[in-house]
Structures are given as structure tokens and as C-alpha cells.
C-alpha atoms as a PDB file:
ATOM      1  CA  MET A   1      89.999  98.184  98.652  1.00  0.00           C
ATOM      2  CA  ILE A   2      90.104  95.221 101.021  1.00  0.00           C
ATOM      3  CA  ILE A   3      93.643  93.875 100.674  1.00  0.00           C
ATOM      4  CA  LYS A   4      93.846  90.916 103.014  1.00  0.00           C
ATOM      5  CA  LYS A   5      97.290  89.626 103.949  1.00  0.00           C
ATOM      6  CA  LEU A   6      99.035  92.433 102.060  1.00  0.00           C
ATOM      7  CA  VAL A   7     102.680  92.230 103.009  1.00  0.00           C
ATOM      8  CA  ILE A   8     102.910  95.793 104.303  1.00  0.00           C
ATOM      9  CA  SER A   9     100.647  96.330 107.287  1.00  0.00           C
ATOM     10  CA  MET A  10     100.228  98.357 110.388  1.00  0.00           C
ATOM     11  CA  LEU A  11     101.379  95.247 112.245  1.00  0.00           C
ATOM     12  CA  ILE A  12     104.827  95.835 110.762  1.00  0.00           C
ATOM     13  CA  LEU A  13     104.956  99.459 111.901  1.00  0.00           C
ATOM     14  CA  THR A  14     103.470  99.301 115.399  1.00  0.00           C
ATOM     15  CA  VAL A  15     103.062 102.505 117.347  1.00  0.00           C
ATOM     16  CA  ILE A  16     105.622 101.969 120.116  1.00  0.00           C
ATOM     17  CA  VAL A  17     107.767 104.664 121.713  1.00  0.00           C
ATOM     18  CA  GLY A  18     110.818 103.190 123.434  1.00  0.00           C
ATOM     19  CA  SER A  19     114.534 103.542 123.975  1.00  0.00           C
ATOM     20  CA  TYR A  20     116.991 102.583 121.251  1.00  0.00           C
ATOM     21  CA  ALA A  21     118.846  99.288 121.640  1.00  0.00           C
ATOM     22  CA  GLN A  22     122.583  99.598 121.990  1.00  0.00           C
ATOM     23  CA  ASP A  23     123.204  97.882 118.647  1.00  0.00           C
ATOM     24  CA  THR A  24     120.907 100.239 116.744  1.00  0.00           C
ATOM     25  CA  LYS A  25     122.577 102.092 113.881  1.00  0.00           C
ATOM     26  CA  THR A  26     120.471 105.038 112.761  1.00  0.00           C
ATOM     27  CA  ASP A  27     121.726 107.424 110.087  1.00  0.00           C
ATOM     28  CA  LYS A  28     120.762 111.006 110.970  1.00  0.00           C
ATOM     29  CA  ILE A  29     120.461 111.993 107.300  1.00  0.00           C
ATOM     30  CA  ALA A  30     118.019 109.137 106.664  1.00  0.00           C
ATOM     31  CA  VAL A  31     115.916 110.180 109.660  1.00  0.00           C
ATOM     32  CA  GLN A  32     115.871 113.820 108.522  1.00  0.00           C
ATOM     33  CA  ILE A  33     114.620 112.798 105.073  1.00  0.00           C
ATOM     34  CA  LEU A  34     111.916 110.548 106.541  1.00  0.00           C
ATOM     35  CA  ASP A  35     110.864 113.319 108.929  1.00  0.00           C
ATOM     36  CA  ARG A  36     110.682 115.848 106.096  1.00  0.00           C
ATOM     37  CA  MET A  37     108.498 113.526 104.011  1.00  0.00           C
ATOM     38  CA  SER A  38     106.236 112.743 106.969  1.00  0.00           C
ATOM     39  CA  ASN A  39     105.855 116.415 107.902  1.00  0.00           C
ATOM     40  CA  VAL A  40     104.900 117.387 104.339  1.00  0.00           C
ATOM     41  CA  ILE A  41     102.266 114.642 104.196  1.00  0.00           C
ATOM     42  CA  GLY A  42     100.971 115.657 107.626  1.00  0.00           C
ATOM     43  CA  ASP A  43     100.516 119.273 106.509  1.00  0.00           C
ATOM     44  CA  LEU A  44      98.416 118.363 103.461  1.00  0.00           C
ATOM     45  CA  GLU A  45      94.731 119.210 103.565  1.00  0.00           C
ATOM     46  CA  ALA A  46      94.008 116.744 100.783  1.00  0.00           C
ATOM     47  CA  CYS A  47      95.825 114.485  98.350  1.00  0.00           C
ATOM     48  CA  ASN A  48      95.190 111.787  95.820  1.00  0.00           C
ATOM     49  CA  PHE A  49      97.625 109.404  94.178  1.00  0.00           C
ATOM     50  CA  THR A  50      97.925 106.101  92.344  1.00  0.00           C
ATOM     51  CA  LEU A  51      99.735 103.177  93.945  1.00  0.00           C
ATOM     52  CA  SER A  52     100.875 100.341  91.653  1.00  0.00           C
ATOM     53  CA  SER A  53     101.825  97.251  93.638  1.00  0.00           C
ATOM     54  CA  SER A  54     103.275  93.799  93.119  1.00  0.00           C
ATOM     55  CA  TYR A  55     103.405  91.302  95.946  1.00  0.00           C
ATOM     56  CA  ASP A  56     104.395  87.679  96.413  1.00  0.00           C
ATOM     57  CA  THR A  57     101.974  85.201  97.880  1.00  0.00           C
ATOM     58  CA  GLU A  58     102.210  81.463  98.397  1.00  0.00           C
ATOM     59  CA  LEU A  59      99.686  79.189  96.714  1.00  0.00           C
ATOM     60  CA  HIS A  60      99.069  75.671  97.946  1.00  0.00           C
ATOM     61  CA  ASN A  61     100.926  73.050  95.855  1.00  0.00           C
ATOM     62  CA  ILE A  62     102.347  75.779  93.589  1.00  0.00           C
ATOM     63  CA  GLY A  63     104.632  77.960  95.661  1.00  0.00           C
ATOM     64  CA  ILE A  64     105.375  81.678  95.510  1.00  0.00           C
ATOM     65  CA  VAL A  65     103.580  83.639  92.780  1.00  0.00           C
ATOM     66  CA  THR A  66     103.456  87.389  92.156  1.00  0.00           C
ATOM     67  CA  ARG A  67     100.181  89.318  92.235  1.00  0.00           C
ATOM     68  CA  HIS A  68      99.492  92.871  91.051  1.00  0.00           C
ATOM     69  CA  SER A  69      97.089  95.667  91.912  1.00  0.00           C
ATOM     70  CA  THR A  70      96.576  99.362  91.200  1.00  0.00           C
ATOM     71  CA  SER A  71      94.855 101.614  93.722  1.00  0.00           C
ATOM     72  CA  ASN A  72      93.566 105.151  93.292  1.00  0.00           C
ATOM     73  CA  VAL A  73      93.568 106.708  96.767  1.00  0.00           C
ATOM     74  CA  ILE A  74      92.031 109.985  97.982  1.00  0.00           C
ATOM     75  CA  PHE A  75      92.595 111.463 101.446  1.00  0.00           C
ATOM     76  CA  TYR A  76      90.513 114.565 102.167  1.00  0.00           C
ATOM     77  CA  GLY A  77      90.698 116.467 105.420  1.00  0.00           C
ATOM     78  CA  PRO A  78      90.951 114.524 108.663  1.00  0.00           C
ATOM     79  CA  ASP A  79      87.895 112.355 108.068  1.00  0.00           C
ATOM     80  CA  LYS A  80      87.411 111.395 104.415  1.00  0.00           C
ATOM     81  CA  LEU A  81      88.911 108.520 102.403  1.00  0.00           C
ATOM     82  CA  SER A  82      88.163 106.867  99.068  1.00  0.00           C
ATOM     83  CA  ILE A  83      90.009 103.924  97.481  1.00  0.00           C
ATOM     84  CA  GLN A  84      89.400 102.178  94.165  1.00  0.00           C
ATOM     85  CA  THR A  85      91.550  99.107  93.499  1.00  0.00           C
ATOM     86  CA  HIS A  86      91.840  96.958  90.389  1.00  0.00           C
ATOM     87  CA  GLY A  87      93.971  93.834  90.517  1.00  0.00           C
ATOM     88  CA  ASP A  88      94.273  90.076  90.472  1.00  0.00           C
ATOM     89  CA  LYS A  89      91.750  89.934  93.331  1.00  0.00           C
ATOM     90  CA  GLY A  90      89.177  91.929  91.357  1.00  0.00           C
ATOM     91  CA  HIS A  91      87.733  95.437  91.553  1.00  0.00           C
ATOM     92  CA  ARG A  92      86.950  96.704  95.033  1.00  0.00           C
ATOM     93  CA  GLY A  93      86.105 100.055  96.571  1.00  0.00           C
ATOM     94  CA  THR A  94      86.313 101.675  99.990  1.00  0.00           C
ATOM     95  CA  TRP A  95      84.466 104.786 101.166  1.00  0.00           C
ATOM     96  CA  TYR A  96      84.875 106.503 104.530  1.00  0.00           C
ATOM     97  CA  ASN A  97      82.809 109.596 105.345  1.00  0.00           C
ATOM     98  CA  GLY A  98      83.798 110.371 108.936  1.00  0.00           C
ATOM     99  CA  ASP A  99      81.015 108.242 110.373  1.00  0.00           C
ATOM    100  CA  ARG A 100      80.994 104.883 108.597  1.00  0.00           C
ATOM    101  CA  ILE A 101      83.300 102.932 106.328  1.00  0.00           C
ATOM    102  CA  TYR A 102      81.990 100.884 103.391  1.00  0.00           C
ATOM    103  CA  PHE A 103      83.671  98.054 101.477  1.00  0.00           C
ATOM    104  CA  TYR A 104      82.226  97.024  98.123  1.00  0.00           C
ATOM    105  CA  SER A 105      83.108  94.189  95.737  1.00  0.00           C
ATOM    106  CA  TYR A 106      82.198  95.161  92.180  1.00  0.00           C
ATOM    107  CA  ASP A 107      82.694  91.578  91.002  1.00  0.00           C
ATOM    108  CA  GLU A 108      80.428  89.997  93.620  1.00  0.00           C
ATOM    109  CA  ASN A 109      78.061  92.977  93.998  1.00  0.00           C
ATOM    110  CA  ASN A 110      78.143  92.815  97.789  1.00  0.00           C
ATOM    111  CA  TYR A 111      79.137  95.311 100.438  1.00  0.00           C
ATOM    112  CA  ALA A 112      79.858  95.642 104.142  1.00  0.00           C
ATOM    113  CA  VAL A 113      79.439  98.672 106.377  1.00  0.00           C
ATOM    114  CA  VAL A 114      81.041  99.329 109.763  1.00  0.00           C
ATOM    115  CA  ASP A 115      80.596 102.217 112.196  1.00  0.00           C
ATOM    116  CA  ALA A 116      83.936 104.001 112.367  1.00  0.00           C
ATOM    117  CA  PRO A 117      85.840 106.541 114.483  1.00  0.00           C
ATOM    118  CA  SER A 118      85.630 110.200 113.533  1.00  0.00           C
ATOM    119  CA  ASN A 119      89.059 110.501 111.870  1.00  0.00           C
ATOM    120  CA  THR A 120      90.782 108.642 109.067  1.00  0.00           C
ATOM    121  CA  ILE A 121      93.945 107.521 110.856  1.00  0.00           C
ATOM    122  CA  GLU A 122      92.074 106.066 113.826  1.00  0.00           C
ATOM    123  CA  THR A 123      89.634 104.369 111.442  1.00  0.00           C
ATOM    124  CA  ILE A 124      92.462 102.737 109.471  1.00  0.00           C
ATOM    125  CA  GLU A 125      94.083 101.458 112.649  1.00  0.00           C
ATOM    126  CA  THR A 126      90.796 100.231 114.145  1.00  0.00           C
ATOM    127  CA  ILE A 127      89.683  98.382 111.009  1.00  0.00           C
ATOM    128  CA  ASN A 128      93.120  96.825 110.610  1.00  0.00           C
ATOM    129  CA  ASN A 129      93.232  95.661 114.232  1.00  0.00           C
ATOM    130  CA  ASP A 130      89.647  94.377 114.297  1.00  0.00           C
ATOM    131  CA  TYR A 131      89.320  92.850 110.824  1.00  0.00           C
ATOM    132  CA  GLY A 132      92.835  92.524 109.415  1.00  0.00           C
ATOM    133  CA  ILE A 133      91.968  94.752 106.468  1.00  0.00           C
ATOM    134  CA  GLU A 134      94.916  96.560 104.879  1.00  0.00           C
ATOM    135  CA  PHE A 135      94.916 100.021 103.307  1.00  0.00           C
ATOM    136  CA  PRO A 136      97.345 100.897 100.495  1.00  0.00           C
ATOM    137  CA  ALA A 137     100.459 102.695 101.824  1.00  0.00           C
ATOM    138  CA  ALA A 138      98.547 103.750 104.954  1.00  0.00           C
ATOM    139  CA  ASP A 139     101.671 103.753 107.128  1.00  0.00           C
ATOM    140  CA  PHE A 140     102.999 106.826 105.306  1.00  0.00           C
ATOM    141  CA  PHE A 141     100.045 108.864 106.621  1.00  0.00           C
ATOM    142  CA  PHE A 142     100.564 108.065 110.302  1.00  0.00           C
ATOM    143  CA  PRO A 143     102.137 111.020 112.169  1.00  0.00           C
ATOM    144  CA  THR A 144     104.375 108.530 113.993  1.00  0.00           C
ATOM    145  CA  PHE A 145     105.835 107.148 110.741  1.00  0.00           C
ATOM    146  CA  THR A 146     109.498 107.981 111.414  1.00  0.00           C
ATOM    147  CA  ASP A 147     109.340 106.918 115.069  1.00  0.00           C
ATOM    148  CA  ASP A 148     107.740 103.629 114.019  1.00  0.00           C
ATOM    149  CA  ILE A 149     110.598 102.940 111.603  1.00  0.00           C
ATOM    150  CA  ILE A 150     113.216 103.786 114.243  1.00  0.00           C
ATOM    151  CA  ASP A 151     111.529 101.616 116.885  1.00  0.00           C
ATOM    152  CA  ASN A 152     111.181  98.573 114.638  1.00  0.00           C
ATOM    153  CA  PHE A 153     114.415  98.543 112.615  1.00  0.00           C
ATOM    154  CA  ASN A 154     117.860  98.292 114.168  1.00  0.00           C
ATOM    155  CA  LYS A 155     119.668  99.685 111.123  1.00  0.00           C
ATOM    156  CA  ILE A 156     118.536 102.678 109.059  1.00  0.00           C
ATOM    157  CA  SER A 157     120.891 103.932 106.362  1.00  0.00           C
ATOM    158  CA  TYR A 158     120.991 106.712 103.793  1.00  0.00           C
ATOM    159  CA  VAL A 159     122.137 104.957 100.613  1.00  0.00           C
ATOM    160  CA  GLY A 160     122.460 108.019  98.368  1.00  0.00           C
ATOM    161  CA  THR A 161     120.493 109.259  95.370  1.00  0.00           C
ATOM    162  CA  ALA A 162     118.927 107.222  92.591  1.00  0.00           C
ATOM    163  CA  ASN A 163     117.033 108.067  89.414  1.00  0.00           C
ATOM    164  CA  LEU A 164     113.609 106.463  89.010  1.00  0.00           C
ATOM    165  CA  ASP A 165     111.957 107.190  85.663  1.00  0.00           C
ATOM    166  CA  GLY A 166     113.529 110.625  85.514  1.00  0.00           C
ATOM    167  CA  VAL A 167     112.863 111.507  89.159  1.00  0.00           C
ATOM    168  CA  GLU A 168     115.884 112.017  91.391  1.00  0.00           C
ATOM    169  CA  CYS A 169     115.255 110.288  94.700  1.00  0.00           C
ATOM    170  CA  PHE A 170     116.854 109.840  98.094  1.00  0.00           C
ATOM    171  CA  GLN A 171     117.258 106.122  98.779  1.00  0.00           C
ATOM    172  CA  ILE A 172     116.935 104.836 102.355  1.00  0.00           C
ATOM    173  CA  LEU A 173     117.362 101.287 103.677  1.00  0.00           C
ATOM    174  CA  ALA A 174     115.867  99.953 106.931  1.00  0.00           C
ATOM    175  CA  VAL A 175     116.770  96.485 108.193  1.00  0.00           C
ATOM    176  CA  ASN A 176     115.778  94.251 111.094  1.00  0.00           C
ATOM    177  CA  ASP A 177     115.963  90.514 111.786  1.00  0.00           C
ATOM    178  CA  SER A 178     112.939  89.639 109.651  1.00  0.00           C
ATOM    179  CA  MET A 179     112.848  92.143 106.777  1.00  0.00           C
ATOM    180  CA  ARG A 180     114.520  94.896 104.826  1.00  0.00           C
ATOM    181  CA  ILE A 181     112.659  97.927 103.484  1.00  0.00           C
ATOM    182  CA  GLN A 182     113.875 100.401 100.892  1.00  0.00           C
ATOM    183  CA  PHE A 183     112.341 103.846 100.392  1.00  0.00           C
ATOM    184  CA  TRP A 184     112.798 106.168  97.422  1.00  0.00           C
ATOM    185  CA  ILE A 185     111.758 109.737  98.273  1.00  0.00           C
ATOM    186  CA  ALA A 186     111.686 112.552  95.728  1.00  0.00           C
ATOM    187  CA  ASN A 187     114.581 115.012  95.957  1.00  0.00           C
ATOM    188  CA  ASP A 188     112.469 118.104  95.314  1.00  0.00           C
ATOM    189  CA  SER A 189     110.466 120.668  97.246  1.00  0.00           C
ATOM    190  CA  TYR A 190     107.826 118.196  98.435  1.00  0.00           C
ATOM    191  CA  ASN A 191     109.894 115.078  99.229  1.00  0.00           C
ATOM    192  CA  LEU A 192     106.937 112.781  98.621  1.00  0.00           C
ATOM    193  CA  PRO A 193     107.402 108.993  98.442  1.00  0.00           C
ATOM    194  CA  VAL A 194     108.080 107.620  94.950  1.00  0.00           C
ATOM    195  CA  LYS A 195     108.584 103.927  95.663  1.00  0.00           C
ATOM    196  CA  PHE A 196     109.149 101.426  98.446  1.00  0.00           C
ATOM    197  CA  SER A 197     109.935  97.740  98.608  1.00  0.00           C
ATOM    198  CA  ILE A 198     109.961  95.068 101.295  1.00  0.00           C
ATOM    199  CA  THR A 199     111.917  91.813 101.270  1.00  0.00           C
ATOM    200  CA  TYR A 200     111.214  89.217 103.954  1.00  0.00           C
ATOM    201  CA  LYS A 201     114.132  87.213 105.319  1.00  0.00           C
ATOM    202  CA  LYS A 202     112.543  83.800 105.183  1.00  0.00           C
ATOM    203  CA  LYS A 203     112.148  80.905 102.762  1.00  0.00           C
ATOM    204  CA  ASN A 204     111.803  82.073  99.147  1.00  0.00           C
ATOM    205  CA  SER A 205     112.299  85.714 100.290  1.00  0.00           C
ATOM    206  CA  PRO A 206     108.810  87.003  99.382  1.00  0.00           C
ATOM    207  CA  GLN A 207     108.729  90.633  98.294  1.00  0.00           C
ATOM    208  CA  TYR A 208     106.365  93.569  98.110  1.00  0.00           C
ATOM    209  CA  GLU A 209     106.970  96.577  95.861  1.00  0.00           C
ATOM    210  CA  ALA A 210     104.852  99.672  95.272  1.00  0.00           C
ATOM    211  CA  THR A 211     105.248 102.815  93.176  1.00  0.00           C
ATOM    212  CA  PHE A 212     103.440 106.130  93.741  1.00  0.00           C
ATOM    213  CA  SER A 213     102.353 108.240  90.782  1.00  0.00           C
ATOM    214  CA  ASP A 214      99.926 111.001  89.773  1.00  0.00           C
ATOM    215  CA  TRP A 215     100.141 112.908  93.048  1.00  0.00           C
ATOM    216  CA  GLU A 216      97.622 115.781  93.312  1.00  0.00           C
ATOM    217  CA  LEU A 217      97.832 117.988  96.395  1.00  0.00           C
ATOM    218  CA  ASN A 218      95.180 120.080  98.181  1.00  0.00           C
ATOM    219  CA  LYS A 219      92.656 119.612  95.403  1.00  0.00           C
ATOM    220  CA  ASN A 220      89.068 120.638  96.182  1.00  0.00           C
ATOM    221  CA  ILE A 221      87.033 117.422  96.268  1.00  0.00           C
ATOM    222  CA  PRO A 222      83.224 117.130  96.687  1.00  0.00           C
ATOM    223  CA  ASN A 223      82.197 115.547  99.991  1.00  0.00           C
ATOM    224  CA  SER A 224      79.592 113.475  98.176  1.00  0.00           C
ATOM    225  CA  ILE A 225      82.204 111.157  96.626  1.00  0.00           C
ATOM    226  CA  PHE A 226      82.912 109.723 100.079  1.00  0.00           C
ATOM    227  CA  ASP A 227      79.353 108.483 100.526  1.00  0.00           C
ATOM    228  CA  PHE A 228      78.518 104.995  99.261  1.00  0.00           C
ATOM    229  CA  MET A 229      75.157 104.154  97.695  1.00  0.00           C
ATOM    230  CA  PRO A 230      74.616 100.403  97.208  1.00  0.00           C
ATOM    231  CA  PRO A 231      73.914  99.535  93.554  1.00  0.00           C
ATOM    232  CA  SER A 232      70.675  97.853  92.624  1.00  0.00           C
ATOM    233  CA  GLY A 233      70.624  94.252  93.782  1.00  0.00           C
ATOM    234  CA  ALA A 234      73.738  94.586  95.944  1.00  0.00           C
ATOM    235  CA  ARG A 235      73.791  92.243  98.928  1.00  0.00           C
ATOM    236  CA  GLU A 236      74.970  93.377 102.357  1.00  0.00           C
ATOM    237  CA  VAL A 237      77.404  91.054 104.106  1.00  0.00           C
ATOM    238  CA  LYS A 238      79.058  91.102 107.521  1.00  0.00           C
ATOM    239  CA  LEU A 239      82.767  91.518 108.046  1.00  0.00           C
ATOM    240  CA  VAL A 240      84.271  88.722 110.095  1.00  0.00           C
ATOM    241  CA  PRO A 241      86.389  89.972 113.027  1.00  0.00           C
ATOM    242  CA  LYS A 242      90.004  88.861 113.020  1.00  0.00           C
ATOM    243  CA  SER A 243      89.482  87.012 116.289  1.00  0.00           C
ATOM    244  CA  ASN A 244      87.136  84.622 114.459  1.00  0.00           C
END
């Protein structure tokens, strides 16, 4: 799914390794939980999940309104990705097969194709940097996830446990000058993410919130589902680089 201007982006969690500022307050328990979650995700050979999102956006002459989307995401091995998203912006699909990445609009019956790096993480980062395209919850799959949080937030706290729809979760808060992020991570053997939210510290305090569900781990998935075949009559279009 092409989610332009989605409030969570790789631009928020830049890959920077640096020294901690003196006023940084980092809770060791919070870091251990984030590390555990990140390590589990990194060890997976495959996973698929559903991400239900709501996000605020500003409309001209109207103000802040809330949009919704639901994405079904499949990561398979180091070089396969499939995303199907339904939402207020329509139905869109993304296919990455280790060689090329395809973006298709079901509503407009058009598609774009871009040559891509040979692994999923590098492809996500490259497409985001070059075209500004966002990928649902992609930051959680970067091996530098915990370091990125530490480097970009001057306060990280373990809040305690919370119950979300019958799932006991660890709750973690990360704060910097421009935003606050909350994470809810399952308190079980896998410690997978259950929910996260972002609040921006600016006028109207726009928010983003997303909930994970229907996790399936290390499922055998046919390689063929990651190849895109343009439907009859589909029109190829060109992606416009972010610099333009």
C-alpha cells in the first residue's frame, strides 16, 4: 500500500548511532523489552499480520480529520513482501519479489514498478527516501529499532502493564521535543507488538494509532504471491521522486 504522508515514517526513526545527551532518561527495563521484541521479530523467517490504523490529517478549510485503513502485511524471508490495504484512500497493493517492487491501485487500475535492492529492509528504506512512500509499521522490522528509539527520544519510560482486549501488555512511553510515542508489547513468550500510538506536540495535536492482530509466524508461503501480474487494461504510471 502506498501511504503517503503517514504520520509514522522512517524519517522519524533515522538510523543514527551516537552518544546519549546528558539529559537523556532511559529506563533499562523499557530498553530490555524493546530489545526482546526486536530480537524475536529479527529471528522470524516469515510472518503475516493485520494492522488497523487511524491517523489525523489536515484538510484545507476544514481542519483536522481522522482517516482509517487496514493493512494485511506479509514478510517472507529476507527478500519478499506483500501488502494489501483497504481504507479511506482506497484499495492498494504492494508486491516485492527481491528484484522489483510493484504498487497497484485497484480503484484506478494503474500500477508502478521500480527496480529494488535485493533485501526487504533496504528496499523499504530506499523507496521511502526516494519517493516518500510509507510502509505499515516498517520501523518494527529494522534491526536497529531499539537504537533508533534511544537516539531520537530523550526520555524512555516503562509505564507498567496494561490489558488490551484480554492481552496483558508491557506499556512503554518515549518522548522528545516534538512527539510522544506509546508502545504496548505482549507479555508472553513472543513479546510481539500489540499497539502503538503517536501524538505530535503541535497545533491540534494530531495523532496516529495502530493495532496489530492476527499474527501468524513462520508460515510456509508460496513465492508466487509476491509476483505482480497487471490486470487487463491496467495502465503503467511512473512514480515521482520526492525531490520533484
